[in-house]
Amino acid sequence: MPRALITGITGQDGQHLAKFLKSKGYDVYGLVAGQANPKIDGIQERLPYVEPLSGDLRDLTSLIAAVEQAQPDEVYNLGAISFVALSFKQPELTAEITGLGVLRVLEAIRIVGGMQNNPIRFYQASSSEMFGKVREVPQNEKTPFHPRSPYGVAKVFGHYTTTNYREAYGLFACSGILFNHEGPLRGPEFVTRKISKAVARIKLGLQEKVAFGDLSTERDWGYAPEYVEAMWLMLQQPEPDDYVIATGETHSGQEFLERAFEHAGIDDWRPYVEFDERNLRPAEVNQLIGDASKAKSKLGWESKVRFEELVRIMVDSDLKAEQAHT
């Protein structure tokens, strides 16, 4: 059986990737920080086939030990401080985990991988936030980066570090420049899940209003379970490379909000939504839209779930969850 080690196993992508790899016959290991991580019980309940390994992206020694124990064929680095707003409040921690964490995982692979016959293949979760103040529309693999947050800056460091290890040490190292991808497992702090959860609660009479910052920004939103397949496909290629993964469509936060309320049967969303300047970021990314032509031609990958369906999936999931709790 092939073996895979996933950092960020407790996050949205980590859970979807674990399910996908299990369906492909993998033994799956998940890196978990801390001795009493409160998230691990939920993961073991939902994903009982994942073997948790102790490790921390801030500690190279623990990463070396985890790679030695898992003896993986593939390592997927999904661990990060991934909430952009939080990165402004904790920029040093973001740099430490989201940026330097990539370097440490690659070092662990280089050190341990040099001792075994089968080279370890590495996937780095790069981000469309690296494009930031975009230089061209749409964005592809050659578009220059101009990050607008500590998160985006840290991701650029991780992206170029992955390239460096590929070129300097011959590692099979790929970066997936994934545009926004959502689903019911998205954390409630992210705007799409904040919308779907609030709409469900308002529909059921459990909540009166919800507050947002700038809803005019536009994003390329896809469906997370589809995007983890692209991660896997990158590591199955004969040569390592970097790929943009996106839908090629862009929609504003307000569009997401409107579609969500409509699907819940609420025609006018305005009485339920307030503006709160505390939700504004010091620097904003106004529009992102990806060109995934390379992924389509080389990986045979393209998104299937479109924007309207994504909104429906998330609202329906939160309606079901909230009804179960009442």
C-alpha atoms as a PDB file:
ATOM      1  CA  MET A   1       0.000   0.000   0.000  1.00  0.00           C
ATOM      2  CA  PRO A   2       1.214   3.548  -0.685  1.00  0.00           C
ATOM      3  CA  ARG A   3       1.654   5.677   2.422  1.00  0.00           C
ATOM      4  CA  ALA A   4       0.899   9.366   2.847  1.00  0.00           C
ATOM      5  CA  LEU A   5       1.604  11.842   5.624  1.00  0.00           C
ATOM      6  CA  ILE A   6      -0.674  14.896   5.871  1.00  0.00           C
ATOM      7  CA  THR A   7       0.044  18.009   7.914  1.00  0.00           C
ATOM      8  CA  GLY A   8      -3.060  20.041   8.712  1.00  0.00           C
ATOM      9  CA  ILE A   9      -5.098  16.836   9.024  1.00  0.00           C
ATOM     10  CA  THR A  10      -7.673  18.536  11.264  1.00  0.00           C
ATOM     11  CA  GLY A  11      -8.536  21.207   8.679  1.00  0.00           C
ATOM     12  CA  GLN A  12     -11.020  21.139   5.825  1.00  0.00           C
ATOM     13  CA  ASP A  13      -8.540  20.045   3.160  1.00  0.00           C
ATOM     14  CA  GLY A  14      -6.783  17.568   5.421  1.00  0.00           C
ATOM     15  CA  GLN A  15     -10.030  15.722   6.106  1.00  0.00           C
ATOM     16  CA  HIS A  16     -11.111  15.668   2.460  1.00  0.00           C
ATOM     17  CA  LEU A  17      -7.658  14.542   1.333  1.00  0.00           C
ATOM     18  CA  ALA A  18      -7.550  11.750   3.915  1.00  0.00           C
ATOM     19  CA  LYS A  19     -10.886  10.399   2.630  1.00  0.00           C
ATOM     20  CA  PHE A  20      -9.704  10.634  -0.964  1.00  0.00           C
ATOM     21  CA  LEU A  21      -6.391   8.877  -0.301  1.00  0.00           C
ATOM     22  CA  LYS A  22      -8.132   6.136   1.675  1.00  0.00           C
ATOM     23  CA  SER A  23     -10.371   5.523  -1.349  1.00  0.00           C
ATOM     24  CA  LYS A  24      -7.184   5.090  -3.398  1.00  0.00           C
ATOM     25  CA  GLY A  25      -5.851   2.429  -1.030  1.00  0.00           C
ATOM     26  CA  TYR A  26      -3.377   4.539   0.946  1.00  0.00           C
ATOM     27  CA  ASP A  27      -2.267   4.147   4.531  1.00  0.00           C
ATOM     28  CA  VAL A  28      -2.841   7.660   5.870  1.00  0.00           C
ATOM     29  CA  TYR A  29      -0.907   9.357   8.664  1.00  0.00           C
ATOM     30  CA  GLY A  30      -1.892  12.736  10.086  1.00  0.00           C
ATOM     31  CA  LEU A  31       0.393  15.157  11.897  1.00  0.00           C
ATOM     32  CA  VAL A  32      -1.190  16.471  15.092  1.00  0.00           C
ATOM     33  CA  ALA A  33       0.385  19.195  17.230  1.00  0.00           C
ATOM     34  CA  GLY A  34       0.336  18.826  21.001  1.00  0.00           C
ATOM     35  CA  GLN A  35      -0.305  15.941  23.357  1.00  0.00           C
ATOM     36  CA  ALA A  36      -3.953  16.805  24.024  1.00  0.00           C
ATOM     37  CA  ASN A  37      -5.117  18.450  20.811  1.00  0.00           C
ATOM     38  CA  PRO A  38      -8.899  18.893  21.249  1.00  0.00           C
ATOM     39  CA  LYS A  39      -9.508  18.321  17.521  1.00  0.00           C
ATOM     40  CA  ILE A  40      -8.003  14.832  17.395  1.00  0.00           C
ATOM     41  CA  ASP A  41     -11.025  13.099  18.974  1.00  0.00           C
ATOM     42  CA  GLY A  42     -13.292  14.397  16.228  1.00  0.00           C
ATOM     43  CA  ILE A  43     -10.837  13.355  13.543  1.00  0.00           C
ATOM     44  CA  GLN A  44     -10.505   9.841  14.942  1.00  0.00           C
ATOM     45  CA  GLU A  45     -14.288   9.578  15.072  1.00  0.00           C
ATOM     46  CA  ARG A  46     -14.794  10.767  11.475  1.00  0.00           C
ATOM     47  CA  LEU A  47     -11.600   9.303  10.021  1.00  0.00           C
ATOM     48  CA  PRO A  48     -10.787   6.209  12.117  1.00  0.00           C
ATOM     49  CA  TYR A  49      -8.316   4.943   9.506  1.00  0.00           C
ATOM     50  CA  VAL A  50      -5.986   7.924   9.969  1.00  0.00           C
ATOM     51  CA  GLU A  51      -3.032   7.165  12.221  1.00  0.00           C
ATOM     52  CA  PRO A  52      -2.150  10.330  14.173  1.00  0.00           C
ATOM     53  CA  LEU A  53       1.506  11.228  14.658  1.00  0.00           C
ATOM     54  CA  SER A  54       2.755  13.862  17.066  1.00  0.00           C
ATOM     55  CA  GLY A  55       4.567  16.740  15.405  1.00  0.00           C
ATOM     56  CA  ASP A  56       4.722  20.504  15.110  1.00  0.00           C
ATOM     57  CA  LEU A  57       5.590  22.676  12.121  1.00  0.00           C
ATOM     58  CA  ARG A  58       7.646  24.832  14.511  1.00  0.00           C
ATOM     59  CA  ASP A  59       9.885  21.914  15.501  1.00  0.00           C
ATOM     60  CA  LEU A  60      12.162  20.215  12.951  1.00  0.00           C
ATOM     61  CA  THR A  61      13.072  17.344  15.277  1.00  0.00           C
ATOM     62  CA  SER A  62       9.431  16.310  15.634  1.00  0.00           C
ATOM     63  CA  LEU A  63       8.952  16.452  11.866  1.00  0.00           C
ATOM     64  CA  ILE A  64      11.970  14.241  11.246  1.00  0.00           C
ATOM     65  CA  ALA A  65      10.568  11.741  13.764  1.00  0.00           C
ATOM     66  CA  ALA A  66       7.143  11.791  12.101  1.00  0.00           C
ATOM     67  CA  VAL A  67       8.569  11.225   8.620  1.00  0.00           C
ATOM     68  CA  GLU A  68      10.767   8.408   9.933  1.00  0.00           C
ATOM     69  CA  GLN A  69       7.775   6.752  11.593  1.00  0.00           C
ATOM     70  CA  ALA A  70       5.382   7.113   8.654  1.00  0.00           C
ATOM     71  CA  GLN A  71       7.942   6.238   5.956  1.00  0.00           C
ATOM     72  CA  PRO A  72       5.636   7.975   3.459  1.00  0.00           C
ATOM     73  CA  ASP A  73       5.683   7.832  -0.293  1.00  0.00           C
ATOM     74  CA  GLU A  74       3.968  11.224  -0.322  1.00  0.00           C
ATOM     75  CA  VAL A  75       3.845  14.184   2.077  1.00  0.00           C
ATOM     76  CA  TYR A  76       1.088  16.792   1.782  1.00  0.00           C
ATOM     77  CA  ASN A  77       1.820  20.005   3.681  1.00  0.00           C
ATOM     78  CA  LEU A  78      -1.582  21.544   4.356  1.00  0.00           C
ATOM     79  CA  GLY A  79      -0.795  22.849   7.836  1.00  0.00           C
ATOM     80  CA  ALA A  80      -0.859  26.637   8.214  1.00  0.00           C
ATOM     81  CA  ILE A  81      -2.323  29.620   9.998  1.00  0.00           C
ATOM     82  CA  SER A  82      -4.822  29.812   7.173  1.00  0.00           C
ATOM     83  CA  PHE A  83      -7.240  32.568   8.230  1.00  0.00           C
ATOM     84  CA  VAL A  84      -6.068  35.767   6.545  1.00  0.00           C
ATOM     85  CA  ALA A  85      -7.634  38.098   9.115  1.00  0.00           C
ATOM     86  CA  LEU A  86      -5.841  36.279  11.952  1.00  0.00           C
ATOM     87  CA  SER A  87      -2.517  36.657  10.167  1.00  0.00           C
ATOM     88  CA  PHE A  88      -2.720  40.444  10.660  1.00  0.00           C
ATOM     89  CA  LYS A  89      -3.184  39.922  14.408  1.00  0.00           C
ATOM     90  CA  GLN A  90      -0.513  37.219  14.718  1.00  0.00           C
ATOM     91  CA  PRO A  91       1.975  37.914  11.918  1.00  0.00           C
ATOM     92  CA  GLU A  92       4.972  36.344  13.644  1.00  0.00           C
ATOM     93  CA  LEU A  93       3.151  33.084  14.369  1.00  0.00           C
ATOM     94  CA  THR A  94       1.885  33.062  10.778  1.00  0.00           C
ATOM     95  CA  ALA A  95       5.420  33.451   9.442  1.00  0.00           C
ATOM     96  CA  GLU A  96       6.674  30.748  11.801  1.00  0.00           C
ATOM     97  CA  ILE A  97       4.087  28.115  10.832  1.00  0.00           C
ATOM     98  CA  THR A  98       2.837  29.040   7.351  1.00  0.00           C
ATOM     99  CA  GLY A  99       6.267  30.117   6.081  1.00  0.00           C
ATOM    100  CA  LEU A 100       9.108  28.470   7.997  1.00  0.00           C
ATOM    101  CA  GLY A 101       6.974  25.365   8.566  1.00  0.00           C
ATOM    102  CA  VAL A 102       7.349  24.572   4.860  1.00  0.00           C
ATOM    103  CA  LEU A 103      11.138  24.791   5.146  1.00  0.00           C
ATOM    104  CA  ARG A 104      11.152  22.423   8.110  1.00  0.00           C
ATOM    105  CA  VAL A 105       8.963  19.812   6.375  1.00  0.00           C
ATOM    106  CA  LEU A 106      11.207  19.925   3.316  1.00  0.00           C
ATOM    107  CA  GLU A 107      14.307  19.570   5.506  1.00  0.00           C
ATOM    108  CA  ALA A 108      12.775  16.543   7.220  1.00  0.00           C
ATOM    109  CA  ILE A 109      12.041  14.995   3.830  1.00  0.00           C
ATOM    110  CA  ARG A 110      15.538  15.757   2.579  1.00  0.00           C
ATOM    111  CA  ILE A 111      17.152  14.244   5.675  1.00  0.00           C
ATOM    112  CA  VAL A 112      14.960  11.144   6.002  1.00  0.00           C
ATOM    113  CA  GLY A 113      14.389  10.672   2.279  1.00  0.00           C
ATOM    114  CA  GLY A 114      18.121  10.493   1.675  1.00  0.00           C
ATOM    115  CA  MET A 115      18.222   7.352   3.790  1.00  0.00           C
ATOM    116  CA  GLN A 116      15.583   5.374   1.889  1.00  0.00           C
ATOM    117  CA  ASN A 117      15.399   3.969  -1.618  1.00  0.00           C
ATOM    118  CA  ASN A 118      11.986   5.352  -2.529  1.00  0.00           C
ATOM    119  CA  PRO A 119      12.088   9.161  -2.974  1.00  0.00           C
ATOM    120  CA  ILE A 120       9.388  11.029  -1.037  1.00  0.00           C
ATOM    121  CA  ARG A 121       7.087  13.195  -3.143  1.00  0.00           C
ATOM    122  CA  PHE A 122       6.031  16.513  -1.600  1.00  0.00           C
ATOM    123  CA  TYR A 123       2.980  18.719  -2.089  1.00  0.00           C
ATOM    124  CA  GLN A 124       2.902  22.308  -0.828  1.00  0.00           C
ATOM    125  CA  ALA A 125      -0.408  24.098  -0.364  1.00  0.00           C
ATOM    126  CA  SER A 126       0.279  27.436  -2.004  1.00  0.00           C
ATOM    127  CA  SER A 127      -2.483  30.021  -2.238  1.00  0.00           C
ATOM    128  CA  SER A 128      -4.111  32.518  -4.573  1.00  0.00           C
ATOM    129  CA  GLU A 129      -3.539  35.073  -1.787  1.00  0.00           C
ATOM    130  CA  MET A 130       0.058  35.197  -3.037  1.00  0.00           C
ATOM    131  CA  PHE A 131      -1.185  37.166  -6.061  1.00  0.00           C
ATOM    132  CA  GLY A 132      -2.746  39.800  -3.807  1.00  0.00           C
ATOM    133  CA  LYS A 133      -2.737  43.104  -5.687  1.00  0.00           C
ATOM    134  CA  VAL A 134      -2.998  41.309  -8.990  1.00  0.00           C
ATOM    135  CA  ARG A 135      -0.807  42.218 -11.964  1.00  0.00           C
ATOM    136  CA  GLU A 136      -2.989  40.472 -14.554  1.00  0.00           C
ATOM    137  CA  VAL A 137      -6.431  38.904 -14.914  1.00  0.00           C
ATOM    138  CA  PRO A 138      -6.879  35.969 -14.774  1.00  0.00           C
ATOM    139  CA  GLN A 139      -3.898  34.716 -12.753  1.00  0.00           C
ATOM    140  CA  ASN A 140      -1.804  31.753 -13.890  1.00  0.00           C
ATOM    141  CA  GLU A 141       1.426  30.039 -12.853  1.00  0.00           C
ATOM    142  CA  LYS A 142       3.553  32.849 -14.300  1.00  0.00           C
ATOM    143  CA  THR A 143       1.665  35.790 -12.811  1.00  0.00           C
ATOM    144  CA  PRO A 144       3.925  37.834 -10.461  1.00  0.00           C
ATOM    145  CA  PHE A 145       3.114  37.773  -6.753  1.00  0.00           C
ATOM    146  CA  HIS A 146       2.126  40.845  -4.721  1.00  0.00           C
ATOM    147  CA  PRO A 147       0.780  39.532  -1.386  1.00  0.00           C
ATOM    148  CA  ARG A 148      -1.360  41.841   0.750  1.00  0.00           C
ATOM    149  CA  SER A 149      -1.318  40.052   4.123  1.00  0.00           C
ATOM    150  CA  PRO A 150       1.153  38.294   6.437  1.00  0.00           C
ATOM    151  CA  TYR A 151      -0.528  35.077   5.342  1.00  0.00           C
ATOM    152  CA  GLY A 152       0.107  35.820   1.666  1.00  0.00           C
ATOM    153  CA  VAL A 153       3.718  36.808   2.365  1.00  0.00           C
ATOM    154  CA  ALA A 154       4.324  33.577   4.312  1.00  0.00           C
ATOM    155  CA  LYS A 155       2.781  31.537   1.496  1.00  0.00           C
ATOM    156  CA  VAL A 156       5.118  33.185  -1.027  1.00  0.00           C
ATOM    157  CA  PHE A 157       8.077  32.161   1.164  1.00  0.00           C
ATOM    158  CA  GLY A 158       6.805  28.580   1.294  1.00  0.00           C
ATOM    159  CA  HIS A 159       6.182  28.532  -2.448  1.00  0.00           C
ATOM    160  CA  TYR A 160       9.684  29.678  -3.372  1.00  0.00           C
ATOM    161  CA  THR A 161      11.236  27.421  -0.735  1.00  0.00           C
ATOM    162  CA  THR A 162       9.507  24.472  -2.415  1.00  0.00           C
ATOM    163  CA  THR A 163      10.924  25.564  -5.766  1.00  0.00           C
ATOM    164  CA  ASN A 164      14.373  25.922  -4.218  1.00  0.00           C
ATOM    165  CA  TYR A 165      14.388  22.412  -2.756  1.00  0.00           C
ATOM    166  CA  ARG A 166      13.221  21.028  -6.081  1.00  0.00           C
ATOM    167  CA  GLU A 167      16.053  22.749  -7.934  1.00  0.00           C
ATOM    168  CA  ALA A 168      18.806  22.471  -5.307  1.00  0.00           C
ATOM    169  CA  TYR A 169      18.243  18.941  -4.041  1.00  0.00           C
ATOM    170  CA  GLY A 170      16.254  17.287  -6.812  1.00  0.00           C
ATOM    171  CA  LEU A 171      13.233  16.667  -4.592  1.00  0.00           C
ATOM    172  CA  PHE A 172       9.941  15.807  -6.238  1.00  0.00           C
ATOM    173  CA  ALA A 173       8.255  18.910  -4.853  1.00  0.00           C
ATOM    174  CA  CYS A 174       5.103  20.508  -6.240  1.00  0.00           C
ATOM    175  CA  SER A 175       3.077  23.569  -5.277  1.00  0.00           C
ATOM    176  CA  GLY A 176      -0.639  23.775  -5.900  1.00  0.00           C
ATOM    177  CA  ILE A 177      -1.709  27.408  -6.166  1.00  0.00           C
ATOM    178  CA  LEU A 178      -5.255  26.800  -5.018  1.00  0.00           C
ATOM    179  CA  PHE A 179      -7.877  29.504  -5.280  1.00  0.00           C
ATOM    180  CA  ASN A 180     -10.623  29.666  -2.659  1.00  0.00           C
ATOM    181  CA  HIS A 181     -12.286  26.310  -2.146  1.00  0.00           C
ATOM    182  CA  GLU A 182     -15.167  25.816   0.232  1.00  0.00           C
ATOM    183  CA  GLY A 183     -17.579  23.273   1.642  1.00  0.00           C
ATOM    184  CA  PRO A 184     -19.421  22.205   4.803  1.00  0.00           C
ATOM    185  CA  LEU A 185     -16.120  21.457   6.575  1.00  0.00           C
ATOM    186  CA  ARG A 186     -14.938  25.062   6.162  1.00  0.00           C
ATOM    187  CA  GLY A 187     -14.283  26.792   9.489  1.00  0.00           C
ATOM    188  CA  PRO A 188     -17.077  29.140  10.655  1.00  0.00           C
ATOM    189  CA  GLU A 189     -14.657  32.093  10.707  1.00  0.00           C
ATOM    190  CA  PHE A 190     -14.328  32.038   6.888  1.00  0.00           C
ATOM    191  CA  VAL A 191     -16.797  34.283   5.083  1.00  0.00           C
ATOM    192  CA  THR A 192     -18.556  31.586   3.019  1.00  0.00           C
ATOM    193  CA  ARG A 193     -19.235  29.375   6.044  1.00  0.00           C
ATOM    194  CA  LYS A 194     -20.082  32.410   8.170  1.00  0.00           C
ATOM    195  CA  ILE A 195     -22.729  33.239   5.572  1.00  0.00           C
ATOM    196  CA  SER A 196     -24.171  29.719   5.205  1.00  0.00           C
ATOM    197  CA  LYS A 197     -24.285  29.146   8.968  1.00  0.00           C
ATOM    198  CA  ALA A 198     -25.885  32.536   9.680  1.00  0.00           C
ATOM    199  CA  VAL A 199     -28.464  32.062   6.928  1.00  0.00           C
ATOM    200  CA  ALA A 200     -29.419  28.659   8.333  1.00  0.00           C
ATOM    201  CA  ARG A 201     -29.782  30.052  11.849  1.00  0.00           C
ATOM    202  CA  ILE A 202     -31.785  33.086  10.652  1.00  0.00           C
ATOM    203  CA  LYS A 203     -34.078  30.811   8.624  1.00  0.00           C
ATOM    204  CA  LEU A 204     -34.725  28.678  11.713  1.00  0.00           C
ATOM    205  CA  GLY A 205     -35.275  31.677  13.993  1.00  0.00           C
ATOM    206  CA  LEU A 206     -32.127  31.027  16.005  1.00  0.00           C
ATOM    207  CA  GLN A 207     -30.367  34.269  15.065  1.00  0.00           C
ATOM    208  CA  GLU A 208     -31.567  37.754  14.128  1.00  0.00           C
ATOM    209  CA  LYS A 209     -28.640  39.412  12.354  1.00  0.00           C
ATOM    210  CA  VAL A 210     -25.099  38.839  11.111  1.00  0.00           C
ATOM    211  CA  ALA A 211     -22.287  41.399  10.663  1.00  0.00           C
ATOM    212  CA  PHE A 212     -19.722  41.547   7.869  1.00  0.00           C
ATOM    213  CA  GLY A 213     -16.979  43.830   6.621  1.00  0.00           C
ATOM    214  CA  ASP A 214     -16.373  44.362   2.907  1.00  0.00           C
ATOM    215  CA  LEU A 215     -18.572  42.059   0.815  1.00  0.00           C
ATOM    216  CA  SER A 216     -17.605  43.656  -2.513  1.00  0.00           C
ATOM    217  CA  THR A 217     -14.359  41.678  -2.874  1.00  0.00           C
ATOM    218  CA  GLU A 218     -14.476  38.971  -5.534  1.00  0.00           C
ATOM    219  CA  ARG A 219     -13.102  35.446  -5.293  1.00  0.00           C
ATOM    220  CA  ASP A 220     -12.806  32.336  -7.436  1.00  0.00           C
ATOM    221  CA  TRP A 221     -14.759  29.868  -5.289  1.00  0.00           C
ATOM    222  CA  GLY A 222     -14.641  26.108  -5.890  1.00  0.00           C
ATOM    223  CA  TYR A 223     -15.700  22.943  -4.056  1.00  0.00           C
ATOM    224  CA  ALA A 224     -13.041  21.629  -1.682  1.00  0.00           C
ATOM    225  CA  PRO A 225     -13.486  17.840  -2.230  1.00  0.00           C
ATOM    226  CA  GLU A 226     -12.655  18.337  -5.934  1.00  0.00           C
ATOM    227  CA  TYR A 227      -9.508  20.290  -5.161  1.00  0.00           C
ATOM    228  CA  VAL A 228      -7.831  17.564  -3.107  1.00  0.00           C
ATOM    229  CA  GLU A 229      -7.915  15.296  -6.160  1.00  0.00           C
ATOM    230  CA  ALA A 230      -5.790  17.889  -7.958  1.00  0.00           C
ATOM    231  CA  MET A 231      -3.232  17.716  -5.123  1.00  0.00           C
ATOM    232  CA  TRP A 232      -2.939  13.968  -5.577  1.00  0.00           C
ATOM    233  CA  LEU A 233      -2.749  14.206  -9.368  1.00  0.00           C
ATOM    234  CA  MET A 234       0.259  16.539  -9.126  1.00  0.00           C
ATOM    235  CA  LEU A 235       2.237  13.884  -7.264  1.00  0.00           C
ATOM    236  CA  GLN A 236       1.382  11.196  -9.834  1.00  0.00           C
ATOM    237  CA  GLN A 237       3.084  13.036 -12.716  1.00  0.00           C
ATOM    238  CA  PRO A 238       6.477  12.008 -14.147  1.00  0.00           C
ATOM    239  CA  GLU A 239       8.004  15.398 -13.277  1.00  0.00           C
ATOM    240  CA  PRO A 240       7.285  17.865 -10.449  1.00  0.00           C
ATOM    241  CA  ASP A 241       5.672  21.170 -11.350  1.00  0.00           C
ATOM    242  CA  ASP A 242       3.385  23.917 -10.023  1.00  0.00           C
ATOM    243  CA  TYR A 243      -0.271  24.315 -10.955  1.00  0.00           C
ATOM    244  CA  VAL A 244      -3.076  26.842 -10.518  1.00  0.00           C
ATOM    245  CA  ILE A 245      -6.285  25.142  -9.365  1.00  0.00           C
ATOM    246  CA  ALA A 246      -9.405  27.263  -9.894  1.00  0.00           C
ATOM    247  CA  THR A 247     -12.850  27.459 -11.523  1.00  0.00           C
ATOM    248  CA  GLY A 248     -12.154  30.437 -13.784  1.00  0.00           C
ATOM    249  CA  GLU A 249     -15.186  32.296 -12.397  1.00  0.00           C
ATOM    250  CA  THR A 250     -15.259  35.140  -9.878  1.00  0.00           C
ATOM    251  CA  HIS A 251     -18.097  36.208  -7.570  1.00  0.00           C
ATOM    252  CA  SER A 252     -18.395  38.759  -4.795  1.00  0.00           C
ATOM    253  CA  GLY A 253     -19.123  38.060  -1.165  1.00  0.00           C
ATOM    254  CA  GLN A 254     -22.428  39.848  -1.627  1.00  0.00           C
ATOM    255  CA  GLU A 255     -23.346  37.472  -4.465  1.00  0.00           C
ATOM    256  CA  PHE A 256     -22.649  34.532  -2.162  1.00  0.00           C
ATOM    257  CA  LEU A 257     -24.814  36.153   0.499  1.00  0.00           C
ATOM    258  CA  GLU A 258     -27.690  36.826  -1.892  1.00  0.00           C
ATOM    259  CA  ARG A 259     -27.686  33.294  -3.320  1.00  0.00           C
ATOM    260  CA  ALA A 260     -27.564  31.812   0.199  1.00  0.00           C
ATOM    261  CA  PHE A 261     -30.580  33.782   1.430  1.00  0.00           C
ATOM    262  CA  GLU A 262     -32.464  33.013  -1.797  1.00  0.00           C
ATOM    263  CA  HIS A 263     -31.845  29.293  -1.410  1.00  0.00           C
ATOM    264  CA  ALA A 264     -33.145  29.450   2.160  1.00  0.00           C
ATOM    265  CA  GLY A 265     -36.331  31.106   0.893  1.00  0.00           C
ATOM    266  CA  ILE A 266     -35.579  34.599   2.204  1.00  0.00           C
ATOM    267  CA  ASP A 267     -36.093  37.124  -0.608  1.00  0.00           C
ATOM    268  CA  ASP A 268     -34.658  40.246   1.041  1.00  0.00           C
ATOM    269  CA  TRP A 269     -31.386  39.756   2.921  1.00  0.00           C
ATOM    270  CA  ARG A 270     -30.841  43.411   3.856  1.00  0.00           C
ATOM    271  CA  PRO A 271     -32.791  43.458   7.163  1.00  0.00           C
ATOM    272  CA  TYR A 272     -30.578  40.686   8.492  1.00  0.00           C
ATOM    273  CA  VAL A 273     -27.113  41.975   7.529  1.00  0.00           C
ATOM    274  CA  GLU A 274     -25.071  44.679   9.235  1.00  0.00           C
ATOM    275  CA  PHE A 275     -21.747  46.307   8.419  1.00  0.00           C
ATOM    276  CA  ASP A 276     -19.006  46.102  11.054  1.00  0.00           C
ATOM    277  CA  GLU A 277     -15.750  47.929  10.358  1.00  0.00           C
ATOM    278  CA  ARG A 278     -13.960  45.613  12.787  1.00  0.00           C
ATOM    279  CA  ASN A 279     -14.177  42.959  10.057  1.00  0.00           C
ATOM    280  CA  LEU A 280     -12.170  45.077   7.620  1.00  0.00           C
ATOM    281  CA  ARG A 281      -8.531  44.157   6.895  1.00  0.00           C
ATOM    282  CA  PRO A 282      -5.638  46.659   6.857  1.00  0.00           C
ATOM    283  CA  ALA A 283      -5.026  45.727   3.202  1.00  0.00           C
ATOM    284  CA  GLU A 284      -7.518  43.905   1.022  1.00  0.00           C
ATOM    285  CA  VAL A 285      -7.334  41.729  -2.095  1.00  0.00           C
ATOM    286  CA  ASN A 286     -10.083  43.048  -4.331  1.00  0.00           C
ATOM    287  CA  GLN A 287     -10.390  40.348  -6.998  1.00  0.00           C
ATOM    288  CA  LEU A 288      -8.988  36.903  -7.686  1.00  0.00           C
ATOM    289  CA  ILE A 289      -9.755  34.669 -10.667  1.00  0.00           C
ATOM    290  CA  GLY A 290      -7.618  31.732 -11.717  1.00  0.00           C
ATOM    291  CA  ASP A 291      -6.626  30.254 -15.058  1.00  0.00           C
ATOM    292  CA  ALA A 292      -6.403  26.482 -14.549  1.00  0.00           C
ATOM    293  CA  SER A 293      -5.628  25.673 -18.209  1.00  0.00           C
ATOM    294  CA  LYS A 294      -2.346  23.987 -17.314  1.00  0.00           C
ATOM    295  CA  ALA A 295      -4.047  21.716 -14.771  1.00  0.00           C
ATOM    296  CA  LYS A 296      -6.664  20.762 -17.334  1.00  0.00           C
ATOM    297  CA  SER A 297      -4.143  19.957 -20.061  1.00  0.00           C
ATOM    298  CA  LYS A 298      -1.482  18.212 -17.949  1.00  0.00           C
ATOM    299  CA  LEU A 299      -3.462  16.738 -15.043  1.00  0.00           C
ATOM    300  CA  GLY A 300      -6.803  16.243 -16.747  1.00  0.00           C
ATOM    301  CA  TRP A 301      -8.400  18.178 -13.876  1.00  0.00           C
ATOM    302  CA  GLU A 302     -11.178  20.734 -14.001  1.00  0.00           C
ATOM    303  CA  SER A 303     -13.820  21.858 -11.530  1.00  0.00           C
ATOM    304  CA  LYS A 304     -17.330  20.482 -11.883  1.00  0.00           C
ATOM    305  CA  VAL A 305     -19.287  22.015  -8.995  1.00  0.00           C
ATOM    306  CA  ARG A 306     -20.139  25.588  -9.952  1.00  0.00           C
ATOM    307  CA  PHE A 307     -20.883  28.575  -7.760  1.00  0.00           C
ATOM    308  CA  GLU A 308     -24.664  28.197  -7.411  1.00  0.00           C
ATOM    309  CA  GLU A 309     -24.375  24.533  -6.483  1.00  0.00           C
ATOM    310  CA  LEU A 310     -21.610  25.259  -3.972  1.00  0.00           C
ATOM    311  CA  VAL A 311     -23.829  27.783  -2.189  1.00  0.00           C
ATOM    312  CA  ARG A 312     -26.707  25.292  -2.078  1.00  0.00           C
ATOM    313  CA  ILE A 313     -24.493  22.518  -0.695  1.00  0.00           C
ATOM    314  CA  MET A 314     -23.229  24.718   2.138  1.00  0.00           C
ATOM    315  CA  VAL A 315     -26.607  26.187   3.106  1.00  0.00           C
ATOM    316  CA  ASP A 316     -28.299  22.775   3.048  1.00  0.00           C
ATOM    317  CA  SER A 317     -25.538  21.297   5.202  1.00  0.00           C
ATOM    318  CA  ASP A 318     -25.829  24.050   7.816  1.00  0.00           C
ATOM    319  CA  LEU A 319     -29.640  23.880   7.816  1.00  0.00           C
ATOM    320  CA  LYS A 320     -29.419  20.159   8.514  1.00  0.00           C
ATOM    321  CA  ALA A 321     -26.808  20.658  11.237  1.00  0.00           C
ATOM    322  CA  GLU A 322     -28.724  23.449  12.985  1.00  0.00           C
ATOM    323  CA  GLN A 323     -31.999  21.503  12.841  1.00  0.00           C
ATOM    324  CA  ALA A 324     -30.262  18.536  14.448  1.00  0.00           C
ATOM    325  CA  HIS A 325     -29.217  20.742  17.370  1.00  0.00           C
ATOM    326  CA  THR A 326     -32.691  22.170  18.016  1.00  0.00           C
END
